[in-house]
Amino acid sequence: MSFGEISTTLDDVSCLLHLPIMGQFPTFDSLDNNGALSVMLKLLGILDGPANAEMCKARGNVVRLSWLREHYEACCLNQHWELLQGLI
């Protein structure tokens, strides 16, 4: 028996997760490629080359979640805990 599509509303989130939904939506300034690259370098400790290559591969000022996971796993395997402080 098909019921069609369903949309999750903020009221659904509030009821299911018991999270209060109130206040204004946050707004963010968009970053250009250089701004996004500097944030990644500062917060994640990633070298300029790999970060820039990933942004080119993702076609914009974004990176793929799988790439971030790979970076996180590599830091864990190499015990580079200081680089993980920006991720957790």
N, C-alpha and C. Protein backbone atom coordinates (compact mmCIF):
# COMPACT_ATOMS: atom_id res chain seq x y z
N MET A 1 0.84 -1.17 0.00
CA MET A 1 0.00 0.00 0.00
C MET A 1 0.89 1.24 0.00
N SER A 2 0.76 2.07 -0.99
CA SER A 2 1.60 3.24 -1.15
C SER A 2 0.91 4.48 -0.57
N PHE A 3 1.67 5.29 0.13
CA PHE A 3 1.12 6.51 0.72
C PHE A 3 1.70 7.76 0.09
N GLY A 4 2.61 7.64 -0.85
CA GLY A 4 3.19 8.82 -1.50
C GLY A 4 4.36 9.37 -0.71
N GLU A 5 4.66 10.63 -0.96
CA GLU A 5 5.81 11.27 -0.33
C GLU A 5 5.44 11.80 1.04
N ILE A 6 6.46 11.98 1.85
CA ILE A 6 6.26 12.54 3.18
C ILE A 6 7.31 13.63 3.39
N SER A 7 6.93 14.68 4.03
CA SER A 7 7.85 15.78 4.34
C SER A 7 8.02 15.88 5.85
N THR A 8 9.27 15.99 6.27
CA THR A 8 9.55 16.17 7.69
C THR A 8 9.49 17.65 8.01
N THR A 9 8.73 18.00 9.02
CA THR A 9 8.59 19.39 9.42
C THR A 9 9.36 19.65 10.70
N LEU A 10 9.52 20.91 11.05
CA LEU A 10 10.18 21.25 12.30
C LEU A 10 9.40 20.73 13.50
N ASP A 11 8.08 20.67 13.37
CA ASP A 11 7.26 20.11 14.45
C ASP A 11 7.57 18.63 14.62
N ASP A 12 7.77 17.90 13.53
CA ASP A 12 8.15 16.48 13.61
C ASP A 12 9.48 16.32 14.34
N VAL A 13 10.45 17.15 14.00
CA VAL A 13 11.76 17.11 14.65
C VAL A 13 11.61 17.37 16.15
N SER A 14 10.82 18.35 16.49
CA SER A 14 10.61 18.69 17.90
C SER A 14 9.97 17.53 18.66
N CYS A 15 8.97 16.90 18.06
CA CYS A 15 8.27 15.80 18.73
C CYS A 15 9.12 14.53 18.82
N LEU A 16 9.83 14.20 17.76
CA LEU A 16 10.60 12.96 17.73
C LEU A 16 11.90 13.03 18.52
N LEU A 17 12.58 14.15 18.41
CA LEU A 17 13.90 14.29 19.04
C LEU A 17 13.87 15.08 20.34
N HIS A 18 12.71 15.61 20.68
CA HIS A 18 12.55 16.41 21.90
C HIS A 18 13.52 17.58 21.93
N LEU A 19 13.67 18.21 20.77
CA LEU A 19 14.51 19.40 20.66
C LEU A 19 13.62 20.62 20.54
N PRO A 20 13.91 21.66 21.30
CA PRO A 20 13.10 22.87 21.16
C PRO A 20 13.43 23.56 19.84
N ILE A 21 12.43 23.93 19.11
CA ILE A 21 12.60 24.63 17.84
C ILE A 21 12.08 26.04 18.04
N MET A 22 13.01 26.97 18.22
CA MET A 22 12.60 28.35 18.42
C MET A 22 13.75 29.26 18.01
N GLY A 23 13.45 30.51 17.77
CA GLY A 23 14.47 31.47 17.40
C GLY A 23 14.58 31.63 15.91
N GLN A 24 15.59 32.35 15.50
CA GLN A 24 15.83 32.65 14.09
C GLN A 24 16.74 31.59 13.47
N PHE A 25 16.57 31.38 12.18
CA PHE A 25 17.48 30.51 11.46
C PHE A 25 18.85 31.19 11.39
N PRO A 26 19.92 30.42 11.55
CA PRO A 26 21.25 31.04 11.43
C PRO A 26 21.55 31.41 9.99
N THR A 27 22.28 32.47 9.83
CA THR A 27 22.73 32.88 8.50
C THR A 27 24.25 32.84 8.47
N PHE A 28 24.79 32.48 7.36
CA PHE A 28 26.23 32.35 7.20
C PHE A 28 26.67 33.11 5.97
N ASP A 29 27.82 33.73 6.07
CA ASP A 29 28.42 34.36 4.90
C ASP A 29 29.05 33.26 4.04
N SER A 30 28.83 33.34 2.75
CA SER A 30 29.44 32.34 1.87
C SER A 30 30.93 32.64 1.72
N LEU A 31 31.70 31.58 1.60
CA LEU A 31 33.15 31.71 1.46
C LEU A 31 33.53 31.49 0.00
N ASP A 32 34.53 32.23 -0.44
CA ASP A 32 35.09 31.94 -1.74
C ASP A 32 36.09 30.79 -1.57
N ASN A 33 36.69 30.35 -2.65
CA ASN A 33 37.60 29.20 -2.58
C ASN A 33 38.79 29.46 -1.65
N ASN A 34 39.36 30.66 -1.70
CA ASN A 34 40.50 30.97 -0.84
C ASN A 34 40.10 30.98 0.63
N GLY A 35 38.93 31.53 0.94
CA GLY A 35 38.45 31.54 2.33
C GLY A 35 38.18 30.14 2.85
N ALA A 36 37.56 29.31 2.02
CA ALA A 36 37.29 27.93 2.42
C ALA A 36 38.59 27.15 2.60
N LEU A 37 39.56 27.40 1.73
CA LEU A 37 40.85 26.72 1.84
C LEU A 37 41.57 27.12 3.12
N SER A 38 41.55 28.40 3.46
CA SER A 38 42.22 28.83 4.69
C SER A 38 41.55 28.28 5.94
N VAL A 39 40.23 28.14 5.91
CA VAL A 39 39.52 27.54 7.05
C VAL A 39 39.92 26.08 7.20
N MET A 40 40.00 25.35 6.09
CA MET A 40 40.40 23.94 6.17
C MET A 40 41.83 23.80 6.66
N LEU A 41 42.71 24.66 6.20
CA LEU A 41 44.10 24.58 6.63
C LEU A 41 44.22 24.87 8.13
N LYS A 42 43.48 25.87 8.60
CA LYS A 42 43.56 26.27 9.99
C LYS A 42 42.90 25.26 10.92
N LEU A 43 41.70 24.79 10.59
CA LEU A 43 40.95 23.93 11.49
C LEU A 43 41.31 22.47 11.38
N LEU A 44 41.67 22.00 10.19
CA LEU A 44 41.93 20.59 10.00
C LEU A 44 43.40 20.24 9.89
N GLY A 45 44.25 21.24 9.73
CA GLY A 45 45.68 20.97 9.63
C GLY A 45 46.06 20.22 8.37
N ILE A 46 45.29 20.38 7.32
CA ILE A 46 45.56 19.69 6.06
C ILE A 46 46.51 20.55 5.24
N LEU A 47 47.40 19.90 4.53
CA LEU A 47 48.33 20.63 3.68
C LEU A 47 47.58 21.30 2.53
N ASP A 48 48.17 22.37 2.03
CA ASP A 48 47.55 23.18 0.98
C ASP A 48 47.26 22.36 -0.28
N GLY A 49 48.20 21.53 -0.71
CA GLY A 49 48.05 20.78 -1.95
C GLY A 49 46.87 19.81 -1.94
N PRO A 50 46.81 18.88 -0.95
CA PRO A 50 45.69 17.95 -0.93
C PRO A 50 44.33 18.63 -0.75
N ALA A 51 44.28 19.67 0.04
CA ALA A 51 43.01 20.37 0.25
C ALA A 51 42.56 21.05 -1.03
N ASN A 52 43.47 21.69 -1.73
CA ASN A 52 43.14 22.36 -2.98
C ASN A 52 42.72 21.35 -4.04
N ALA A 53 43.42 20.21 -4.09
CA ALA A 53 43.07 19.16 -5.05
C ALA A 53 41.68 18.62 -4.79
N GLU A 54 41.33 18.43 -3.53
CA GLU A 54 39.99 17.92 -3.20
C GLU A 54 38.91 18.94 -3.54
N MET A 55 39.19 20.22 -3.31
CA MET A 55 38.20 21.24 -3.65
C MET A 55 37.99 21.30 -5.16
N CYS A 56 39.06 21.10 -5.93
CA CYS A 56 38.92 21.06 -7.40
C CYS A 56 38.11 19.84 -7.82
N LYS A 57 38.37 18.71 -7.17
CA LYS A 57 37.65 17.48 -7.50
C LYS A 57 36.17 17.61 -7.15
N ALA A 58 35.86 18.29 -6.04
CA ALA A 58 34.47 18.48 -5.61
C ALA A 58 33.80 19.64 -6.34
N ARG A 59 34.56 20.36 -7.15
CA ARG A 59 34.06 21.46 -7.99
C ARG A 59 33.45 22.60 -7.19
N GLY A 60 34.24 23.16 -6.30
CA GLY A 60 33.77 24.32 -5.56
C GLY A 60 34.52 24.47 -4.25
N ASN A 61 33.96 25.24 -3.35
CA ASN A 61 34.61 25.47 -2.06
C ASN A 61 34.08 24.49 -1.03
N VAL A 62 33.95 23.23 -1.44
CA VAL A 62 33.46 22.16 -0.58
C VAL A 62 34.39 20.96 -0.71
N VAL A 63 34.27 20.03 0.22
CA VAL A 63 34.98 18.76 0.14
C VAL A 63 33.98 17.64 0.38
N ARG A 64 34.31 16.46 -0.08
CA ARG A 64 33.43 15.32 0.10
C ARG A 64 33.56 14.76 1.51
N LEU A 65 32.46 14.25 2.05
CA LEU A 65 32.48 13.65 3.38
C LEU A 65 33.40 12.44 3.42
N SER A 66 33.43 11.67 2.35
CA SER A 66 34.32 10.50 2.30
C SER A 66 35.78 10.93 2.41
N TRP A 67 36.13 12.07 1.82
CA TRP A 67 37.50 12.57 1.91
C TRP A 67 37.83 12.98 3.34
N LEU A 68 36.88 13.63 4.01
CA LEU A 68 37.09 14.00 5.42
C LEU A 68 37.25 12.76 6.29
N ARG A 69 36.45 11.73 6.01
CA ARG A 69 36.58 10.48 6.78
C ARG A 69 37.95 9.85 6.57
N GLU A 70 38.43 9.85 5.33
CA GLU A 70 39.77 9.31 5.05
C GLU A 70 40.83 10.08 5.81
N HIS A 71 40.71 11.41 5.84
CA HIS A 71 41.66 12.24 6.58
C HIS A 71 41.61 11.92 8.07
N TYR A 72 40.41 11.77 8.60
CA TYR A 72 40.24 11.44 10.02
C TYR A 72 40.86 10.09 10.34
N GLU A 73 40.58 9.08 9.52
CA GLU A 73 41.13 7.75 9.75
C GLU A 73 42.65 7.75 9.65
N ALA A 74 43.21 8.50 8.70
CA ALA A 74 44.66 8.58 8.57
C ALA A 74 45.28 9.22 9.81
N CYS A 75 44.64 10.26 10.33
CA CYS A 75 45.14 10.90 11.55
C CYS A 75 45.10 9.93 12.73
N CYS A 76 44.04 9.14 12.82
CA CYS A 76 43.93 8.17 13.90
C CYS A 76 44.99 7.08 13.79
N LEU A 77 45.19 6.57 12.57
CA LEU A 77 46.19 5.51 12.37
C LEU A 77 47.60 6.01 12.68
N ASN A 78 47.88 7.25 12.33
CA ASN A 78 49.21 7.82 12.55
C ASN A 78 49.34 8.50 13.91
N GLN A 79 48.28 8.44 14.70
CA GLN A 79 48.22 9.04 16.04
C GLN A 79 48.57 10.52 16.02
N HIS A 80 48.02 11.24 15.05
CA HIS A 80 48.17 12.70 14.98
C HIS A 80 46.96 13.34 15.66
N TRP A 81 46.93 13.24 16.97
CA TRP A 81 45.76 13.70 17.73
C TRP A 81 45.59 15.22 17.66
N GLU A 82 46.68 15.96 17.54
CA GLU A 82 46.57 17.41 17.49
C GLU A 82 45.85 17.89 16.23
N LEU A 83 45.90 17.11 15.14
CA LEU A 83 45.21 17.48 13.92
C LEU A 83 43.72 17.19 14.00
N LEU A 84 43.32 16.32 14.93
CA LEU A 84 41.91 15.94 15.04
C LEU A 84 41.12 16.90 15.90
N GLN A 85 41.77 17.81 16.60
CA GLN A 85 41.03 18.71 17.49
C GLN A 85 40.06 19.59 16.73
N GLY A 86 40.32 19.91 15.47
CA GLY A 86 39.38 20.69 14.68
C GLY A 86 38.20 19.87 14.19
N LEU A 87 38.33 18.53 14.20
CA LEU A 87 37.27 17.67 13.69
C LEU A 87 36.29 17.23 14.78
N ILE A 88 36.72 17.22 16.04
CA ILE A 88 35.83 16.70 17.09
C ILE A 88 35.49 17.78 18.08
